[in-house]
Amino acid sequence: MDDVGDFLESVEPARRHREAAQLDAFFRDVTGWQPVLWSGSMLGYGQYDYTYASGRTGRYFATGFAPRKAKLSIYIMPGYADFSGILERLGKYRKGKSCLYLNKLEDADMDVLAELVRAGLADLAKSWPVRST
């Protein structure tokens, strides 16, 4: 099995394992991209290269998730400043700088989450070309 498959199989507890499988299928469907394991615990879909004004460069995933034991972290780059109308309809979540925290996947409306992922990717593509993985 590949790193992604091994990672998904290792997710615990059982509920988080099921949610990780659901999110993997969700992100594959919404983005059309295959997942890549980042930093050993985040599944990323798509990628982009960036160069900051300081000259610092790098590569990062465009969207994805991490099935943490306490909460699910949903990464939608670069942030949520323009997405308040979508977030109002999402369901129960907590917001970080560039991610959402869900206690359980059933707390979110998956159609609205798909809309949010697409909006986040479109917003990211305004700053950096996004490529498939």
N, C-alpha and C. Protein backbone atom coordinates (compact mmCIF):
# COMPACT_ATOMS: atom_id res chain seq x y z
N MET A 1 0.85 -1.19 0.00
CA MET A 1 0.00 0.00 0.00
C MET A 1 0.89 1.26 0.00
N ASP A 2 0.42 2.32 -0.62
CA ASP A 2 1.20 3.56 -0.67
C ASP A 2 1.12 4.31 0.66
N ASP A 3 1.88 5.39 0.79
CA ASP A 3 1.88 6.18 2.03
C ASP A 3 0.49 6.67 2.39
N VAL A 4 -0.27 7.13 1.40
CA VAL A 4 -1.62 7.65 1.65
C VAL A 4 -2.51 6.54 2.21
N GLY A 5 -2.48 5.39 1.58
CA GLY A 5 -3.28 4.26 2.05
C GLY A 5 -2.88 3.81 3.44
N ASP A 6 -1.58 3.73 3.68
CA ASP A 6 -1.08 3.35 5.02
C ASP A 6 -1.54 4.36 6.06
N PHE A 7 -1.44 5.63 5.70
CA PHE A 7 -1.86 6.68 6.63
C PHE A 7 -3.35 6.55 6.95
N LEU A 8 -4.17 6.42 5.93
CA LEU A 8 -5.62 6.32 6.15
C LEU A 8 -5.97 5.10 7.00
N GLU A 9 -5.28 4.01 6.78
CA GLU A 9 -5.53 2.80 7.57
C GLU A 9 -5.14 2.98 9.03
N SER A 10 -4.19 3.86 9.29
CA SER A 10 -3.68 4.03 10.65
C SER A 10 -4.49 5.02 11.50
N VAL A 11 -5.42 5.73 10.89
CA VAL A 11 -6.18 6.76 11.61
C VAL A 11 -7.05 6.12 12.68
N GLU A 12 -6.98 6.66 13.87
CA GLU A 12 -7.79 6.21 15.01
C GLU A 12 -8.38 7.42 15.70
N PRO A 13 -9.42 7.25 16.46
CA PRO A 13 -10.23 6.06 16.72
C PRO A 13 -11.08 5.70 15.51
N ALA A 14 -11.94 4.70 15.65
CA ALA A 14 -12.72 4.16 14.53
C ALA A 14 -13.57 5.23 13.84
N ARG A 15 -14.20 6.11 14.60
CA ARG A 15 -15.03 7.16 13.99
C ARG A 15 -14.17 8.07 13.12
N ARG A 16 -12.99 8.45 13.62
CA ARG A 16 -12.10 9.33 12.86
C ARG A 16 -11.59 8.60 11.61
N HIS A 17 -11.39 7.30 11.72
CA HIS A 17 -10.96 6.48 10.58
C HIS A 17 -12.02 6.55 9.48
N ARG A 18 -13.29 6.38 9.84
CA ARG A 18 -14.39 6.46 8.86
C ARG A 18 -14.48 7.86 8.26
N GLU A 19 -14.34 8.88 9.09
CA GLU A 19 -14.41 10.26 8.60
C GLU A 19 -13.26 10.57 7.64
N ALA A 20 -12.08 10.04 7.93
CA ALA A 20 -10.92 10.26 7.06
C ALA A 20 -11.17 9.64 5.69
N ALA A 21 -11.74 8.45 5.66
CA ALA A 21 -12.06 7.80 4.39
C ALA A 21 -13.11 8.62 3.63
N GLN A 22 -14.12 9.13 4.34
CA GLN A 22 -15.16 9.96 3.71
C GLN A 22 -14.55 11.24 3.15
N LEU A 23 -13.67 11.88 3.91
CA LEU A 23 -13.05 13.12 3.45
C LEU A 23 -12.13 12.88 2.26
N ASP A 24 -11.40 11.77 2.26
CA ASP A 24 -10.55 11.45 1.13
C ASP A 24 -11.40 11.33 -0.14
N ALA A 25 -12.49 10.59 -0.07
CA ALA A 25 -13.38 10.45 -1.23
C ALA A 25 -13.97 11.81 -1.62
N PHE A 26 -14.34 12.60 -0.64
CA PHE A 26 -14.91 13.93 -0.86
C PHE A 26 -13.91 14.82 -1.62
N PHE A 27 -12.67 14.92 -1.11
CA PHE A 27 -11.68 15.79 -1.75
C PHE A 27 -11.29 15.29 -3.14
N ARG A 28 -11.20 13.98 -3.33
CA ARG A 28 -10.92 13.44 -4.66
C ARG A 28 -12.03 13.84 -5.63
N ASP A 29 -13.28 13.75 -5.17
CA ASP A 29 -14.42 14.09 -6.01
C ASP A 29 -14.48 15.58 -6.31
N VAL A 30 -14.34 16.41 -5.29
CA VAL A 30 -14.47 17.86 -5.46
C VAL A 30 -13.33 18.44 -6.29
N THR A 31 -12.09 17.97 -6.06
CA THR A 31 -10.93 18.54 -6.75
C THR A 31 -10.55 17.80 -8.02
N GLY A 32 -10.84 16.50 -8.07
CA GLY A 32 -10.38 15.69 -9.18
C GLY A 32 -8.91 15.29 -9.05
N TRP A 33 -8.29 15.57 -7.91
CA TRP A 33 -6.88 15.30 -7.70
C TRP A 33 -6.66 14.15 -6.73
N GLN A 34 -5.53 13.52 -6.86
CA GLN A 34 -5.11 12.46 -5.96
C GLN A 34 -4.45 13.08 -4.73
N PRO A 35 -4.57 12.44 -3.58
CA PRO A 35 -3.95 12.97 -2.37
C PRO A 35 -2.45 12.70 -2.31
N VAL A 36 -1.76 13.58 -1.61
CA VAL A 36 -0.34 13.43 -1.28
C VAL A 36 -0.23 13.64 0.22
N LEU A 37 0.55 12.80 0.87
CA LEU A 37 0.76 12.93 2.32
C LEU A 37 1.83 13.99 2.57
N TRP A 38 1.47 14.98 3.39
CA TRP A 38 2.36 16.08 3.74
C TRP A 38 2.66 16.01 5.24
N SER A 39 3.89 16.17 5.60
CA SER A 39 4.33 16.22 7.00
C SER A 39 3.84 15.01 7.81
N GLY A 40 3.57 13.91 7.14
CA GLY A 40 3.22 12.69 7.82
C GLY A 40 1.82 12.58 8.38
N SER A 41 1.03 13.70 8.33
CA SER A 41 -0.30 13.62 8.94
C SER A 41 -1.37 14.48 8.26
N MET A 42 -1.04 15.06 7.10
CA MET A 42 -2.01 15.87 6.37
C MET A 42 -2.12 15.34 4.95
N LEU A 43 -3.34 15.19 4.47
CA LEU A 43 -3.54 14.80 3.07
C LEU A 43 -3.85 16.06 2.28
N GLY A 44 -3.02 16.32 1.27
CA GLY A 44 -3.19 17.49 0.44
C GLY A 44 -3.61 17.12 -0.96
N TYR A 45 -4.42 17.98 -1.57
CA TYR A 45 -4.95 17.78 -2.91
C TYR A 45 -4.59 19.02 -3.72
N GLY A 46 -3.86 18.83 -4.80
CA GLY A 46 -3.35 19.96 -5.57
C GLY A 46 -2.16 20.57 -4.85
N GLN A 47 -1.43 21.40 -5.58
CA GLN A 47 -0.28 22.07 -4.97
C GLN A 47 0.01 23.37 -5.69
N TYR A 48 0.78 24.20 -5.05
CA TYR A 48 1.20 25.46 -5.66
C TYR A 48 2.57 25.83 -5.15
N ASP A 49 3.31 26.56 -5.97
CA ASP A 49 4.61 27.10 -5.60
C ASP A 49 4.40 28.58 -5.29
N TYR A 50 5.06 29.05 -4.25
CA TYR A 50 4.91 30.45 -3.87
C TYR A 50 6.27 31.12 -3.71
N THR A 51 6.27 32.43 -3.90
CA THR A 51 7.43 33.27 -3.63
C THR A 51 6.91 34.51 -2.93
N TYR A 52 7.35 34.70 -1.70
CA TYR A 52 6.95 35.88 -0.94
C TYR A 52 7.81 37.08 -1.31
N ALA A 53 7.36 38.26 -0.94
CA ALA A 53 8.12 39.49 -1.21
C ALA A 53 9.52 39.41 -0.61
N SER A 54 9.67 38.67 0.48
CA SER A 54 10.97 38.51 1.14
C SER A 54 11.94 37.66 0.33
N GLY A 55 11.39 36.97 -0.70
CA GLY A 55 12.21 36.09 -1.51
C GLY A 55 12.07 34.62 -1.11
N ARG A 56 11.44 34.38 0.01
CA ARG A 56 11.24 33.01 0.47
C ARG A 56 10.33 32.28 -0.52
N THR A 57 10.72 31.06 -0.88
CA THR A 57 9.93 30.27 -1.81
C THR A 57 9.57 28.93 -1.17
N GLY A 58 8.58 28.29 -1.73
CA GLY A 58 8.20 26.98 -1.24
C GLY A 58 7.09 26.38 -2.06
N ARG A 59 6.68 25.21 -1.64
CA ARG A 59 5.57 24.48 -2.28
C ARG A 59 4.67 23.99 -1.16
N TYR A 60 3.35 24.06 -1.40
CA TYR A 60 2.41 23.59 -0.39
C TYR A 60 1.18 23.02 -1.08
N PHE A 61 0.40 22.26 -0.33
CA PHE A 61 -0.82 21.71 -0.91
C PHE A 61 -1.90 22.78 -0.98
N ALA A 62 -2.78 22.64 -1.96
CA ALA A 62 -3.80 23.66 -2.21
C ALA A 62 -5.00 23.54 -1.27
N THR A 63 -5.38 22.33 -0.95
CA THR A 63 -6.49 22.08 -0.03
C THR A 63 -6.31 20.68 0.52
N GLY A 64 -6.97 20.39 1.61
CA GLY A 64 -6.84 19.04 2.17
C GLY A 64 -7.36 18.97 3.59
N PHE A 65 -6.90 17.93 4.31
CA PHE A 65 -7.38 17.74 5.67
C PHE A 65 -6.39 16.93 6.49
N ALA A 66 -6.58 17.00 7.80
CA ALA A 66 -5.84 16.19 8.75
C ALA A 66 -6.84 15.64 9.76
N PRO A 67 -6.92 14.32 9.88
CA PRO A 67 -7.86 13.71 10.84
C PRO A 67 -7.24 13.62 12.22
N ARG A 68 -7.22 14.72 12.94
CA ARG A 68 -6.66 14.74 14.29
C ARG A 68 -7.60 14.01 15.25
N LYS A 69 -7.06 13.53 16.35
CA LYS A 69 -7.90 12.79 17.30
C LYS A 69 -9.00 13.67 17.88
N ALA A 70 -8.67 14.90 18.24
CA ALA A 70 -9.66 15.78 18.88
C ALA A 70 -10.63 16.39 17.87
N LYS A 71 -10.13 16.81 16.71
CA LYS A 71 -10.95 17.49 15.72
C LYS A 71 -10.43 17.17 14.32
N LEU A 72 -11.28 17.34 13.35
CA LEU A 72 -10.87 17.27 11.96
C LEU A 72 -10.40 18.66 11.55
N SER A 73 -9.24 18.75 10.93
CA SER A 73 -8.75 20.02 10.40
C SER A 73 -8.93 20.00 8.90
N ILE A 74 -9.68 20.96 8.39
CA ILE A 74 -9.94 21.08 6.96
C ILE A 74 -9.18 22.31 6.47
N TYR A 75 -8.24 22.11 5.55
CA TYR A 75 -7.38 23.20 5.08
C TYR A 75 -7.90 23.76 3.76
N ILE A 76 -8.23 25.03 3.80
CA ILE A 76 -8.70 25.74 2.62
C ILE A 76 -7.87 27.02 2.57
N MET A 77 -6.98 27.11 1.61
CA MET A 77 -6.05 28.22 1.55
C MET A 77 -6.64 29.33 0.69
N PRO A 78 -6.28 30.57 0.86
CA PRO A 78 -5.38 31.10 1.88
C PRO A 78 -6.09 31.55 3.15
N GLY A 79 -7.40 31.52 3.22
CA GLY A 79 -8.10 31.95 4.41
C GLY A 79 -9.58 32.08 4.13
N TYR A 80 -10.28 32.79 5.00
CA TYR A 80 -11.74 32.84 4.89
C TYR A 80 -12.32 34.25 4.82
N ALA A 81 -11.51 35.25 4.60
CA ALA A 81 -11.98 36.63 4.65
C ALA A 81 -13.18 36.88 3.73
N ASP A 82 -13.20 36.26 2.57
CA ASP A 82 -14.25 36.54 1.60
C ASP A 82 -15.37 35.50 1.61
N PHE A 83 -15.37 34.57 2.54
CA PHE A 83 -16.28 33.43 2.47
C PHE A 83 -17.34 33.41 3.56
N SER A 84 -17.63 34.53 4.16
CA SER A 84 -18.59 34.55 5.27
C SER A 84 -19.98 34.06 4.85
N GLY A 85 -20.41 34.36 3.63
CA GLY A 85 -21.71 33.91 3.16
C GLY A 85 -21.80 32.40 3.06
N ILE A 86 -20.71 31.77 2.67
CA ILE A 86 -20.67 30.31 2.60
C ILE A 86 -20.59 29.73 4.01
N LEU A 87 -19.72 30.29 4.82
CA LEU A 87 -19.53 29.78 6.18
C LEU A 87 -20.81 29.82 7.02
N GLU A 88 -21.67 30.82 6.77
CA GLU A 88 -22.94 30.93 7.50
C GLU A 88 -23.81 29.69 7.31
N ARG A 89 -23.64 29.03 6.16
CA ARG A 89 -24.47 27.87 5.82
C ARG A 89 -23.79 26.54 6.09
N LEU A 90 -22.54 26.56 6.54
CA LEU A 90 -21.75 25.34 6.66
C LEU A 90 -22.21 24.41 7.77
N GLY A 91 -22.54 24.96 8.92
CA GLY A 91 -22.87 24.13 10.07
C GLY A 91 -21.97 24.50 11.23
N LYS A 92 -21.73 23.54 12.11
CA LYS A 92 -20.96 23.78 13.33
C LYS A 92 -19.46 23.59 13.05
N TYR A 93 -18.68 24.64 13.28
CA TYR A 93 -17.24 24.60 13.05
C TYR A 93 -16.56 25.66 13.91
N ARG A 94 -15.25 25.56 13.99
CA ARG A 94 -14.42 26.62 14.57
C ARG A 94 -13.42 26.99 13.49
N LYS A 95 -13.08 28.25 13.41
CA LYS A 95 -12.22 28.74 12.34
C LYS A 95 -10.83 29.05 12.85
N GLY A 96 -9.82 28.62 12.09
CA GLY A 96 -8.43 29.00 12.34
C GLY A 96 -8.00 29.96 11.24
N LYS A 97 -6.71 30.22 11.14
CA LYS A 97 -6.23 31.16 10.14
C LYS A 97 -6.50 30.68 8.71
N SER A 98 -6.19 29.43 8.42
CA SER A 98 -6.44 28.90 7.08
C SER A 98 -7.09 27.52 7.14
N CYS A 99 -7.75 27.24 8.25
CA CYS A 99 -8.41 25.94 8.34
C CYS A 99 -9.69 26.03 9.17
N LEU A 100 -10.50 25.01 8.98
CA LEU A 100 -11.71 24.83 9.78
C LEU A 100 -11.46 23.67 10.73
N TYR A 101 -12.05 23.74 11.89
CA TYR A 101 -11.99 22.61 12.82
C TYR A 101 -13.41 22.10 13.00
N LEU A 102 -13.59 20.81 12.76
CA LEU A 102 -14.88 20.16 12.94
C LEU A 102 -14.73 19.11 14.02
N ASN A 103 -15.65 19.10 14.98
CA ASN A 103 -15.63 18.04 15.98
C ASN A 103 -15.96 16.70 15.33
N LYS A 104 -16.93 16.72 14.43
CA LYS A 104 -17.31 15.52 13.68
C LYS A 104 -17.80 15.95 12.31
N LEU A 105 -17.58 15.09 11.36
CA LEU A 105 -17.91 15.41 9.97
C LEU A 105 -19.39 15.71 9.79
N GLU A 106 -20.23 15.04 10.53
CA GLU A 106 -21.68 15.25 10.39
C GLU A 106 -22.11 16.65 10.83
N ASP A 107 -21.21 17.40 11.47
CA ASP A 107 -21.52 18.78 11.86
C ASP A 107 -21.58 19.73 10.67
N ALA A 108 -21.01 19.31 9.53
CA ALA A 108 -20.93 20.19 8.36
C ALA A 108 -21.84 19.71 7.24
N ASP A 109 -22.41 20.65 6.51
CA ASP A 109 -23.17 20.36 5.31
C ASP A 109 -22.14 20.13 4.20
N MET A 110 -22.07 18.91 3.68
CA MET A 110 -21.03 18.55 2.72
C MET A 110 -21.16 19.29 1.40
N ASP A 111 -22.36 19.64 0.98
CA ASP A 111 -22.53 20.43 -0.24
C ASP A 111 -21.95 21.83 -0.06
N VAL A 112 -22.16 22.39 1.11
CA VAL A 112 -21.62 23.72 1.40
C VAL A 112 -20.10 23.63 1.54
N LEU A 113 -19.60 22.56 2.15
CA LEU A 113 -18.15 22.37 2.26
C LEU A 113 -17.53 22.27 0.87
N ALA A 114 -18.18 21.58 -0.05
CA ALA A 114 -17.68 21.49 -1.42
C ALA A 114 -17.63 22.88 -2.07
N GLU A 115 -18.66 23.66 -1.84
CA GLU A 115 -18.69 25.04 -2.36
C GLU A 115 -17.53 25.84 -1.79
N LEU A 116 -17.26 25.66 -0.50
CA LEU A 116 -16.18 26.38 0.16
C LEU A 116 -14.81 25.95 -0.37
N VAL A 117 -14.61 24.66 -0.57
CA VAL A 117 -13.34 24.17 -1.13
C VAL A 117 -13.12 24.76 -2.52
N ARG A 118 -14.14 24.74 -3.35
CA ARG A 118 -14.02 25.31 -4.70
C ARG A 118 -13.72 26.81 -4.66
N ALA A 119 -14.40 27.52 -3.76
CA ALA A 119 -14.16 28.96 -3.63
C ALA A 119 -12.75 29.23 -3.13
N GLY A 120 -12.27 28.42 -2.20
CA GLY A 120 -10.91 28.57 -1.69
C GLY A 120 -9.87 28.33 -2.77
N LEU A 121 -10.09 27.30 -3.59
CA LEU A 121 -9.15 27.02 -4.68
C LEU A 121 -9.15 28.14 -5.71
N ALA A 122 -10.33 28.67 -6.03
CA ALA A 122 -10.42 29.78 -6.98
C ALA A 122 -9.70 31.01 -6.43
N ASP A 123 -9.85 31.26 -5.13
CA ASP A 123 -9.19 32.41 -4.51
C ASP A 123 -7.68 32.21 -4.51
N LEU A 124 -7.23 31.02 -4.18
CA LEU A 124 -5.80 30.72 -4.18
C LEU A 124 -5.20 30.90 -5.56
N ALA A 125 -5.92 30.46 -6.59
CA ALA A 125 -5.43 30.54 -7.96
C ALA A 125 -5.26 31.98 -8.44
N LYS A 126 -5.88 32.94 -7.77
CA LYS A 126 -5.68 34.35 -8.11
C LYS A 126 -4.27 34.81 -7.77
N SER A 127 -3.65 34.15 -6.77
CA SER A 127 -2.31 34.54 -6.33
C SER A 127 -1.22 33.61 -6.84
N TRP A 128 -1.51 32.31 -6.92
CA TRP A 128 -0.51 31.32 -7.29
C TRP A 128 -1.15 30.28 -8.21
N PRO A 129 -0.46 29.90 -9.27
CA PRO A 129 -0.99 28.84 -10.14
C PRO A 129 -1.11 27.52 -9.34
N VAL A 130 -2.27 26.92 -9.38
CA VAL A 130 -2.52 25.66 -8.67
C VAL A 130 -2.43 24.52 -9.69
N ARG A 131 -1.69 23.48 -9.31
CA ARG A 131 -1.53 22.31 -10.17
C ARG A 131 -2.10 21.08 -9.52
N SER A 132 -2.40 20.10 -10.34
CA SER A 132 -2.92 18.84 -9.81
C SER A 132 -1.80 18.05 -9.13
N THR A 133 -2.23 17.09 -8.31
CA THR A 133 -1.29 16.17 -7.69
C THR A 133 -1.58 14.78 -8.19
